[in-house]
Amino acid sequence: MKPINAIVIPPGDEPGVVGPISQDLQTLKAIVGGYIEAVYTAYDDHGRPRVTLWCNEDGKILGLPINRRATALWYALNGGPTGYTLNGPVLVTGSDDGQGDILDVPDMLIDLWNSLP
């Protein structure tokens, strides 16, 4: 598996990190601090999510803080509130290639993230 470009969004005021990461399960679990859950955004014309947000599956149960920036990004990519929040650190990637590999986060999303204050 090749490294992928991704955005890691911590739940507090710390800046997010954009860069290459390994896409193996252990790395994903280490970033979110536990079992991973994929949260999808709107779908493309081929039925694949445009962006995947990876969070801790047990984030709410564990009392991890709400990740307001990641939740706002999820809402924006879905065209409005979903009624849920993302808790703890969140990893943002592209969708998958249909072969089991995760794709890079779209360049336009990296540009958007880097333009935010």
Protein backbone atom coordinates (compact mmCIF):
# COMPACT_ATOMS: atom_id res chain seq x y z
CA MET A 1 0.00 0.00 0.00
CA LYS A 2 1.34 3.37 -0.97
CA PRO A 3 1.25 6.37 1.38
CA ILE A 4 -1.64 8.78 0.84
CA ASN A 5 -2.07 12.50 1.28
CA ALA A 6 -4.49 13.22 4.09
CA ILE A 7 -5.56 15.87 6.57
CA VAL A 8 -5.45 15.11 10.30
CA ILE A 9 -7.78 17.40 12.28
CA PRO A 10 -7.28 17.42 16.07
CA PRO A 11 -10.36 18.22 18.17
CA GLY A 12 -8.99 21.36 19.80
CA ASP A 13 -7.42 24.52 18.46
CA GLU A 14 -4.22 22.85 17.30
CA PRO A 15 -3.64 23.26 13.57
CA GLY A 16 -4.46 20.34 11.34
CA VAL A 17 -1.69 18.49 9.59
CA VAL A 18 -1.60 17.89 5.86
CA GLY A 19 0.76 15.27 4.55
CA PRO A 20 1.45 11.75 3.52
CA ILE A 21 0.52 8.92 5.88
CA SER A 22 0.63 5.17 5.67
CA GLN A 23 -2.81 3.73 5.00
CA ASP A 24 -2.37 0.55 7.02
CA LEU A 25 -4.93 -0.22 9.73
CA GLN A 26 -2.51 0.29 12.63
CA THR A 27 -1.63 3.81 11.45
CA LEU A 28 -5.29 4.75 11.01
CA LYS A 29 -6.12 3.44 14.49
CA ALA A 30 -3.17 5.32 16.01
CA ILE A 31 -4.31 8.61 14.44
CA VAL A 32 -7.89 8.39 15.76
CA GLY A 33 -6.91 6.74 19.04
CA GLY A 34 -8.82 3.47 18.73
CA TYR A 35 -11.15 1.55 16.48
CA ILE A 36 -11.81 3.40 13.23
CA GLU A 37 -15.13 4.34 11.73
CA ALA A 38 -15.50 5.66 8.19
CA VAL A 39 -17.92 8.57 7.80
CA TYR A 40 -18.75 9.42 4.22
CA THR A 41 -19.66 12.62 2.42
CA ALA A 42 -21.81 13.14 -0.65
CA TYR A 43 -21.32 10.63 -3.45
CA ASP A 44 -19.90 11.14 -6.95
CA ASP A 45 -21.47 10.05 -10.22
CA HIS A 46 -20.02 6.55 -9.75
CA GLY A 47 -21.62 6.03 -6.34
CA ARG A 48 -18.39 6.50 -4.37
CA PRO A 49 -18.03 8.99 -1.53
CA ARG A 50 -16.03 12.02 -2.56
CA VAL A 51 -14.32 12.24 0.81
CA THR A 52 -14.02 9.90 3.78
CA LEU A 53 -13.62 11.14 7.33
CA TRP A 54 -12.13 8.55 9.70
CA CYS A 55 -12.87 8.90 13.41
CA ASN A 56 -12.80 6.87 16.60
CA GLU A 57 -15.76 4.50 16.51
CA ASP A 58 -16.19 4.83 20.29
CA GLY A 59 -15.43 8.57 20.45
CA LYS A 60 -18.76 9.58 21.98
CA ILE A 61 -18.82 6.66 24.44
CA LEU A 62 -15.26 7.44 25.53
CA GLY A 63 -16.15 11.09 26.02
CA LEU A 64 -13.72 12.40 23.41
CA PRO A 65 -14.24 16.10 22.73
CA ILE A 66 -16.39 17.15 19.79
CA ASN A 67 -14.22 17.95 16.81
CA ARG A 68 -16.00 21.11 15.72
CA ARG A 69 -13.82 21.80 12.68
CA ALA A 70 -14.14 18.25 11.33
CA THR A 71 -17.88 18.24 12.01
CA ALA A 72 -18.26 21.59 10.20
CA LEU A 73 -16.28 20.22 7.26
CA TRP A 74 -18.50 17.12 7.15
CA TYR A 75 -21.63 19.30 7.18
CA ALA A 76 -20.24 21.55 4.43
CA LEU A 77 -19.36 18.58 2.21
CA ASN A 78 -22.85 17.12 2.72
CA GLY A 79 -24.71 20.36 2.08
CA GLY A 80 -25.95 20.81 5.64
CA PRO A 81 -26.12 19.41 9.18
CA THR A 82 -26.42 15.67 9.65
CA GLY A 83 -27.52 15.87 13.28
CA TYR A 84 -24.38 14.08 14.46
CA THR A 85 -20.93 15.18 15.58
CA LEU A 86 -17.47 13.75 15.06
CA ASN A 87 -15.47 13.30 18.25
CA GLY A 88 -11.73 13.13 18.80
CA PRO A 89 -9.07 13.34 16.10
CA VAL A 90 -10.37 12.98 12.54
CA LEU A 91 -8.47 11.84 9.47
CA VAL A 92 -9.70 13.11 6.09
CA THR A 93 -8.92 11.13 2.94
CA GLY A 94 -10.39 10.53 -0.48
CA SER A 95 -12.68 7.60 -1.12
CA ASP A 96 -11.33 4.16 -2.03
CA ASP A 97 -10.20 2.75 -5.34
CA GLY A 98 -12.52 -0.27 -5.24
CA GLN A 99 -9.49 -2.53 -4.71
CA GLY A 100 -9.05 -1.90 -0.98
CA ASP A 101 -6.71 1.08 -1.12
CA ILE A 102 -7.62 4.54 0.15
CA LEU A 103 -7.22 7.46 -2.24
CA ASP A 104 -5.55 10.81 -1.54
CA VAL A 105 -7.67 13.60 -0.12
CA PRO A 106 -8.73 15.74 -3.10
CA ASP A 107 -6.35 18.62 -3.87
CA MET A 108 -9.20 21.15 -3.75
CA LEU A 109 -9.88 20.13 -0.14
CA ILE A 110 -6.20 20.53 0.79
CA ASP A 111 -6.23 23.98 -0.82
CA LEU A 112 -9.39 24.88 1.10
CA TRP A 113 -7.94 23.60 4.40
CA ASN A 114 -4.68 25.49 3.89
CA SER A 115 -6.61 28.72 3.17
CA LEU A 116 -8.50 28.64 6.47
CA PRO A 117 -7.24 30.85 9.31
